[in-house]
């Protein structure tokens, strides 16, 4: 990562990932994938075949945000001074990724439950 990562870029990209995959809600996994895309460690090819745009419109893909992801995003936005242009350094990105991993679903249950 040559420059800082913006939280707003990660959140916007995660919505695009959810839509690409045809998921109704943006989850922690989508945000983690988005960070990988922005870092250049994940490509669209890694995501597999996209859902049809016609199907996405019918299902409302990417329109909802998981409540825990929303909470993490709000906490981090506040932590970054509510500045949409604030760039996170490598340590902050790692910390955000840890928060997101803790929010992922493991065996049908969230790790934070």
N, C-alpha and C. Protein backbone atom coordinates (compact mmCIF):
# COMPACT_ATOMS: atom_id res chain seq x y z
N UNK A 1 0.86 -1.16 0.00
CA UNK A 1 0.00 0.00 0.00
C UNK A 1 0.90 1.22 0.00
N UNK A 2 0.88 1.99 -1.08
CA UNK A 2 1.78 3.12 -1.20
C UNK A 2 1.20 4.39 -0.58
N UNK A 3 -0.09 4.51 -0.51
CA UNK A 3 -0.70 5.67 0.12
C UNK A 3 -1.73 5.20 1.12
N UNK A 4 -2.18 6.12 1.96
CA UNK A 4 -3.16 5.75 2.97
C UNK A 4 -4.48 5.32 2.33
N UNK A 5 -5.22 4.54 3.08
CA UNK A 5 -6.52 4.06 2.63
C UNK A 5 -7.60 4.89 3.30
N UNK A 6 -8.56 5.34 2.54
CA UNK A 6 -9.67 6.11 3.11
C UNK A 6 -10.80 5.16 3.47
N UNK A 7 -11.37 5.35 4.65
CA UNK A 7 -12.51 4.56 5.09
C UNK A 7 -13.66 4.68 4.09
N UNK A 8 -13.89 5.90 3.59
CA UNK A 8 -14.99 6.10 2.65
C UNK A 8 -14.79 5.29 1.37
N UNK A 9 -13.54 5.15 0.91
CA UNK A 9 -13.27 4.34 -0.27
C UNK A 9 -13.56 2.87 0.00
N UNK A 10 -13.18 2.39 1.19
CA UNK A 10 -13.42 0.99 1.55
C UNK A 10 -14.93 0.72 1.63
N UNK A 11 -15.68 1.65 2.21
CA UNK A 11 -17.12 1.46 2.34
C UNK A 11 -17.82 1.51 0.99
N UNK A 12 -17.42 2.43 0.14
CA UNK A 12 -18.01 2.53 -1.20
C UNK A 12 -17.69 1.28 -2.02
N UNK A 13 -16.46 0.84 -1.95
CA UNK A 13 -16.05 -0.35 -2.69
C UNK A 13 -16.75 -1.59 -2.16
N UNK A 14 -16.98 -1.66 -0.84
CA UNK A 14 -17.67 -2.82 -0.28
C UNK A 14 -19.10 -2.92 -0.78
N UNK A 15 -19.74 -1.80 -0.99
CA UNK A 15 -21.09 -1.81 -1.56
C UNK A 15 -21.05 -2.33 -2.99
N UNK A 16 -20.04 -1.92 -3.73
CA UNK A 16 -19.88 -2.41 -5.10
C UNK A 16 -19.61 -3.92 -5.11
N UNK A 17 -18.83 -4.40 -4.16
CA UNK A 17 -18.55 -5.84 -4.06
C UNK A 17 -19.85 -6.60 -3.78
N UNK A 18 -20.64 -6.10 -2.83
CA UNK A 18 -21.91 -6.77 -2.50
C UNK A 18 -22.83 -6.80 -3.72
N UNK A 19 -22.91 -5.69 -4.43
CA UNK A 19 -23.75 -5.64 -5.62
C UNK A 19 -23.23 -6.60 -6.68
N UNK A 20 -21.93 -6.62 -6.88
CA UNK A 20 -21.30 -7.51 -7.86
C UNK A 20 -21.65 -8.96 -7.57
N UNK A 21 -21.66 -9.32 -6.28
CA UNK A 21 -21.95 -10.69 -5.88
C UNK A 21 -23.43 -10.99 -5.72
N UNK A 22 -24.26 -9.94 -5.83
CA UNK A 22 -25.70 -10.13 -5.72
C UNK A 22 -26.18 -10.27 -4.29
N UNK A 23 -25.37 -9.85 -3.32
CA UNK A 23 -25.74 -9.94 -1.91
C UNK A 23 -26.68 -8.79 -1.56
N UNK A 24 -27.68 -9.07 -0.76
CA UNK A 24 -28.64 -8.04 -0.37
C UNK A 24 -28.01 -7.04 0.60
N UNK A 25 -27.21 -7.53 1.54
CA UNK A 25 -26.61 -6.67 2.56
C UNK A 25 -25.10 -6.65 2.43
N UNK A 26 -24.51 -5.51 2.72
CA UNK A 26 -23.06 -5.38 2.79
C UNK A 26 -22.63 -5.95 4.14
N UNK A 27 -21.71 -6.90 4.10
CA UNK A 27 -21.25 -7.56 5.32
C UNK A 27 -19.78 -7.21 5.58
N UNK A 28 -19.30 -7.66 6.73
CA UNK A 28 -17.90 -7.45 7.07
C UNK A 28 -16.98 -8.09 6.03
N UNK A 29 -17.38 -9.25 5.51
CA UNK A 29 -16.58 -9.91 4.48
C UNK A 29 -16.44 -9.04 3.23
N UNK A 30 -17.51 -8.33 2.87
CA UNK A 30 -17.46 -7.45 1.70
C UNK A 30 -16.49 -6.29 1.95
N UNK A 31 -16.48 -5.76 3.16
CA UNK A 31 -15.55 -4.66 3.48
C UNK A 31 -14.11 -5.17 3.45
N UNK A 32 -13.88 -6.35 3.99
CA UNK A 32 -12.53 -6.93 3.94
C UNK A 32 -12.08 -7.16 2.50
N UNK A 33 -12.99 -7.64 1.66
CA UNK A 33 -12.67 -7.83 0.24
C UNK A 33 -12.37 -6.50 -0.42
N UNK A 34 -13.15 -5.48 -0.08
CA UNK A 34 -12.93 -4.14 -0.64
C UNK A 34 -11.55 -3.61 -0.27
N UNK A 35 -11.14 -3.81 0.98
CA UNK A 35 -9.81 -3.37 1.39
C UNK A 35 -8.75 -4.10 0.57
N UNK A 36 -8.96 -5.40 0.34
CA UNK A 36 -8.03 -6.16 -0.50
C UNK A 36 -7.97 -5.62 -1.92
N UNK A 37 -9.12 -5.27 -2.47
CA UNK A 37 -9.15 -4.70 -3.82
C UNK A 37 -8.39 -3.38 -3.86
N UNK A 38 -8.63 -2.52 -2.88
CA UNK A 38 -7.96 -1.22 -2.85
C UNK A 38 -6.46 -1.35 -2.62
N UNK A 39 -6.05 -2.39 -1.92
CA UNK A 39 -4.62 -2.64 -1.69
C UNK A 39 -3.97 -3.34 -2.88
N UNK A 40 -4.80 -3.90 -3.76
CA UNK A 40 -4.27 -4.61 -4.92
C UNK A 40 -3.97 -6.07 -4.65
N UNK A 41 -4.47 -6.61 -3.53
CA UNK A 41 -4.23 -8.02 -3.21
C UNK A 41 -5.40 -8.91 -3.64
N UNK A 42 -6.51 -8.31 -4.03
CA UNK A 42 -7.69 -9.02 -4.50
C UNK A 42 -8.13 -8.38 -5.81
N UNK A 43 -8.55 -9.22 -6.76
CA UNK A 43 -9.04 -8.71 -8.04
C UNK A 43 -10.50 -9.12 -8.21
N UNK A 44 -11.16 -8.52 -9.17
CA UNK A 44 -12.54 -8.92 -9.48
C UNK A 44 -12.59 -10.38 -9.89
N UNK A 45 -11.57 -10.86 -10.57
CA UNK A 45 -11.52 -12.27 -10.96
C UNK A 45 -11.54 -13.18 -9.74
N UNK A 46 -10.96 -12.72 -8.63
CA UNK A 46 -10.95 -13.50 -7.39
C UNK A 46 -12.36 -13.67 -6.81
N UNK A 47 -13.26 -12.77 -7.17
CA UNK A 47 -14.62 -12.81 -6.63
C UNK A 47 -15.50 -13.83 -7.32
N UNK A 48 -15.06 -14.30 -8.47
CA UNK A 48 -15.87 -15.25 -9.21
C UNK A 48 -16.80 -14.53 -10.17
N UNK A 49 -17.74 -15.27 -10.66
CA UNK A 49 -18.67 -14.74 -11.65
C UNK A 49 -19.65 -13.77 -10.99
N UNK A 50 -19.86 -12.62 -11.61
CA UNK A 50 -20.82 -11.66 -11.03
C UNK A 50 -22.26 -12.09 -11.23
N UNK A 51 -23.12 -11.59 -10.40
CA UNK A 51 -24.55 -11.80 -10.59
C UNK A 51 -25.01 -10.90 -11.74
N UNK A 52 -26.01 -11.32 -12.41
CA UNK A 52 -26.57 -10.52 -13.49
C UNK A 52 -27.08 -9.20 -12.94
N UNK A 53 -26.83 -8.08 -13.63
CA UNK A 53 -27.38 -6.80 -13.19
C UNK A 53 -28.90 -6.82 -13.10
N UNK A 54 -29.55 -7.62 -13.94
CA UNK A 54 -31.01 -7.72 -13.87
C UNK A 54 -31.43 -8.37 -12.56
N UNK A 55 -30.72 -9.40 -12.14
CA UNK A 55 -31.01 -10.07 -10.88
C UNK A 55 -30.73 -9.12 -9.70
N UNK A 56 -29.64 -8.39 -9.77
CA UNK A 56 -29.29 -7.47 -8.70
C UNK A 56 -30.37 -6.42 -8.47
N UNK A 57 -30.92 -5.90 -9.56
CA UNK A 57 -31.98 -4.90 -9.41
C UNK A 57 -33.22 -5.51 -8.77
N UNK A 58 -33.51 -6.73 -9.14
CA UNK A 58 -34.70 -7.39 -8.61
C UNK A 58 -34.56 -7.72 -7.13
N UNK A 59 -33.36 -8.05 -6.70
CA UNK A 59 -33.14 -8.44 -5.31
C UNK A 59 -32.71 -7.29 -4.42
N UNK A 60 -32.39 -6.15 -5.01
CA UNK A 60 -31.94 -5.02 -4.22
C UNK A 60 -30.54 -5.22 -3.68
N UNK A 61 -29.69 -5.88 -4.44
CA UNK A 61 -28.34 -6.20 -3.99
C UNK A 61 -27.59 -4.96 -3.55
N UNK A 62 -26.88 -5.08 -2.44
CA UNK A 62 -26.02 -4.01 -1.95
C UNK A 62 -26.73 -2.84 -1.31
N UNK A 63 -28.04 -2.95 -1.08
CA UNK A 63 -28.80 -1.81 -0.56
C UNK A 63 -28.81 -1.73 0.95
N UNK A 64 -28.61 -2.83 1.63
CA UNK A 64 -28.63 -2.86 3.08
C UNK A 64 -27.21 -2.97 3.60
N UNK A 65 -27.03 -2.62 4.86
CA UNK A 65 -25.73 -2.77 5.52
C UNK A 65 -25.97 -3.52 6.81
N UNK A 66 -25.19 -4.57 7.02
CA UNK A 66 -25.27 -5.32 8.26
C UNK A 66 -25.11 -4.35 9.44
N UNK A 67 -25.92 -4.52 10.47
CA UNK A 67 -25.92 -3.59 11.61
C UNK A 67 -24.55 -3.49 12.27
N UNK A 68 -23.84 -4.59 12.39
CA UNK A 68 -22.53 -4.56 13.02
C UNK A 68 -21.52 -3.82 12.15
N UNK A 69 -21.63 -3.99 10.84
CA UNK A 69 -20.75 -3.26 9.92
C UNK A 69 -21.04 -1.76 10.01
N UNK A 70 -22.31 -1.40 10.10
CA UNK A 70 -22.68 0.01 10.25
C UNK A 70 -22.06 0.58 11.53
N UNK A 71 -22.14 -0.19 12.62
CA UNK A 71 -21.58 0.26 13.90
C UNK A 71 -20.06 0.45 13.80
N UNK A 72 -19.37 -0.50 13.17
CA UNK A 72 -17.92 -0.40 12.99
C UNK A 72 -17.58 0.82 12.14
N UNK A 73 -18.31 1.02 11.05
CA UNK A 73 -18.05 2.15 10.16
C UNK A 73 -18.25 3.48 10.90
N UNK A 74 -19.32 3.58 11.68
CA UNK A 74 -19.57 4.82 12.42
C UNK A 74 -18.48 5.08 13.46
N UNK A 75 -18.07 4.01 14.14
CA UNK A 75 -17.02 4.15 15.15
C UNK A 75 -15.71 4.61 14.51
N UNK A 76 -15.36 4.01 13.38
CA UNK A 76 -14.13 4.38 12.70
C UNK A 76 -14.21 5.78 12.08
N UNK A 77 -15.36 6.13 11.57
CA UNK A 77 -15.52 7.48 11.01
C UNK A 77 -15.29 8.52 12.11
N UNK A 78 -15.85 8.27 13.28
CA UNK A 78 -15.64 9.16 14.42
C UNK A 78 -14.17 9.17 14.84
N UNK A 79 -13.57 8.00 14.88
CA UNK A 79 -12.16 7.86 15.27
C UNK A 79 -11.25 8.65 14.33
N UNK A 80 -11.68 8.76 13.07
CA UNK A 80 -10.89 9.50 12.07
C UNK A 80 -11.29 10.97 11.99
N UNK A 81 -11.96 11.46 13.03
CA UNK A 81 -12.32 12.87 13.09
C UNK A 81 -13.49 13.25 12.20
N UNK A 82 -14.29 12.29 11.80
CA UNK A 82 -15.44 12.51 10.91
C UNK A 82 -15.03 13.19 9.60
N UNK A 83 -13.82 12.90 9.18
CA UNK A 83 -13.27 13.48 7.96
C UNK A 83 -13.31 12.42 6.85
N UNK A 84 -14.16 12.61 5.83
CA UNK A 84 -14.26 11.61 4.77
C UNK A 84 -12.98 11.47 3.94
N UNK A 85 -12.07 12.42 4.07
CA UNK A 85 -10.82 12.37 3.31
C UNK A 85 -9.64 11.88 4.14
N UNK A 86 -9.89 11.56 5.41
CA UNK A 86 -8.82 11.08 6.28
C UNK A 86 -8.29 9.75 5.76
N UNK A 87 -6.98 9.63 5.75
CA UNK A 87 -6.35 8.40 5.30
C UNK A 87 -5.86 7.62 6.51
N UNK A 88 -6.13 6.32 6.49
CA UNK A 88 -5.66 5.45 7.57
C UNK A 88 -4.26 4.95 7.22
N UNK A 89 -3.41 4.89 8.23
CA UNK A 89 -2.09 4.32 7.99
C UNK A 89 -2.19 2.80 8.09
N UNK A 90 -1.10 2.12 7.83
CA UNK A 90 -1.10 0.66 7.80
C UNK A 90 -1.57 0.05 9.12
N UNK A 91 -1.17 0.64 10.23
CA UNK A 91 -1.57 0.14 11.54
C UNK A 91 -3.08 0.28 11.74
N UNK A 92 -3.64 1.42 11.34
CA UNK A 92 -5.08 1.63 11.46
C UNK A 92 -5.86 0.67 10.57
N UNK A 93 -5.38 0.43 9.36
CA UNK A 93 -6.05 -0.50 8.45
C UNK A 93 -6.04 -1.90 9.06
N UNK A 94 -4.92 -2.29 9.63
CA UNK A 94 -4.85 -3.61 10.28
C UNK A 94 -5.84 -3.70 11.44
N UNK A 95 -5.96 -2.63 12.20
CA UNK A 95 -6.90 -2.59 13.32
C UNK A 95 -8.35 -2.69 12.81
N UNK A 96 -8.66 -1.96 11.73
CA UNK A 96 -9.99 -2.03 11.13
C UNK A 96 -10.27 -3.45 10.63
N UNK A 97 -9.30 -4.05 9.97
CA UNK A 97 -9.48 -5.42 9.48
C UNK A 97 -9.75 -6.38 10.64
N UNK A 98 -9.07 -6.19 11.75
CA UNK A 98 -9.30 -7.04 12.93
C UNK A 98 -10.73 -6.86 13.44
N UNK A 99 -11.21 -5.62 13.47
CA UNK A 99 -12.60 -5.36 13.88
C UNK A 99 -13.58 -6.06 12.94
N UNK A 100 -13.30 -6.00 11.65
CA UNK A 100 -14.19 -6.62 10.66
C UNK A 100 -14.14 -8.14 10.74
N UNK A 101 -12.96 -8.69 10.95
CA UNK A 101 -12.86 -10.15 11.09
C UNK A 101 -13.64 -10.63 12.30
N UNK A 102 -13.61 -9.85 13.37
CA UNK A 102 -14.35 -10.21 14.58
C UNK A 102 -15.86 -10.16 14.33
N UNK A 103 -16.28 -9.43 13.31
CA UNK A 103 -17.70 -9.28 13.00
C UNK A 103 -18.19 -10.29 11.97
N UNK A 104 -17.29 -11.12 11.45
CA UNK A 104 -17.70 -12.07 10.42
C UNK A 104 -18.47 -13.23 11.03
N UNK A 105 -19.27 -13.84 10.20
CA UNK A 105 -20.08 -14.96 10.65
C UNK A 105 -19.22 -16.22 10.64
N UNK A 106 -19.22 -16.91 11.77
CA UNK A 106 -18.46 -18.15 11.91
C UNK A 106 -19.43 -19.25 12.31
N UNK A 107 -19.62 -20.21 11.43
CA UNK A 107 -20.53 -21.31 11.75
C UNK A 107 -21.94 -20.86 12.07
N UNK A 108 -22.42 -19.85 11.34
CA UNK A 108 -23.78 -19.36 11.55
C UNK A 108 -23.91 -18.33 12.67
N UNK A 109 -22.82 -18.06 13.40
CA UNK A 109 -22.85 -17.08 14.49
C UNK A 109 -21.74 -16.06 14.28
N UNK A 110 -22.01 -14.85 14.64
CA UNK A 110 -20.98 -13.83 14.57
C UNK A 110 -19.95 -14.09 15.66
N UNK A 111 -18.71 -13.80 15.33
CA UNK A 111 -17.64 -14.02 16.28
C UNK A 111 -17.81 -13.14 17.52
N UNK A 112 -18.49 -12.01 17.40
CA UNK A 112 -18.68 -11.10 18.53
C UNK A 112 -19.88 -11.45 19.38
N UNK A 113 -20.70 -12.39 18.93
CA UNK A 113 -21.89 -12.78 19.70
C UNK A 113 -21.50 -13.50 20.97
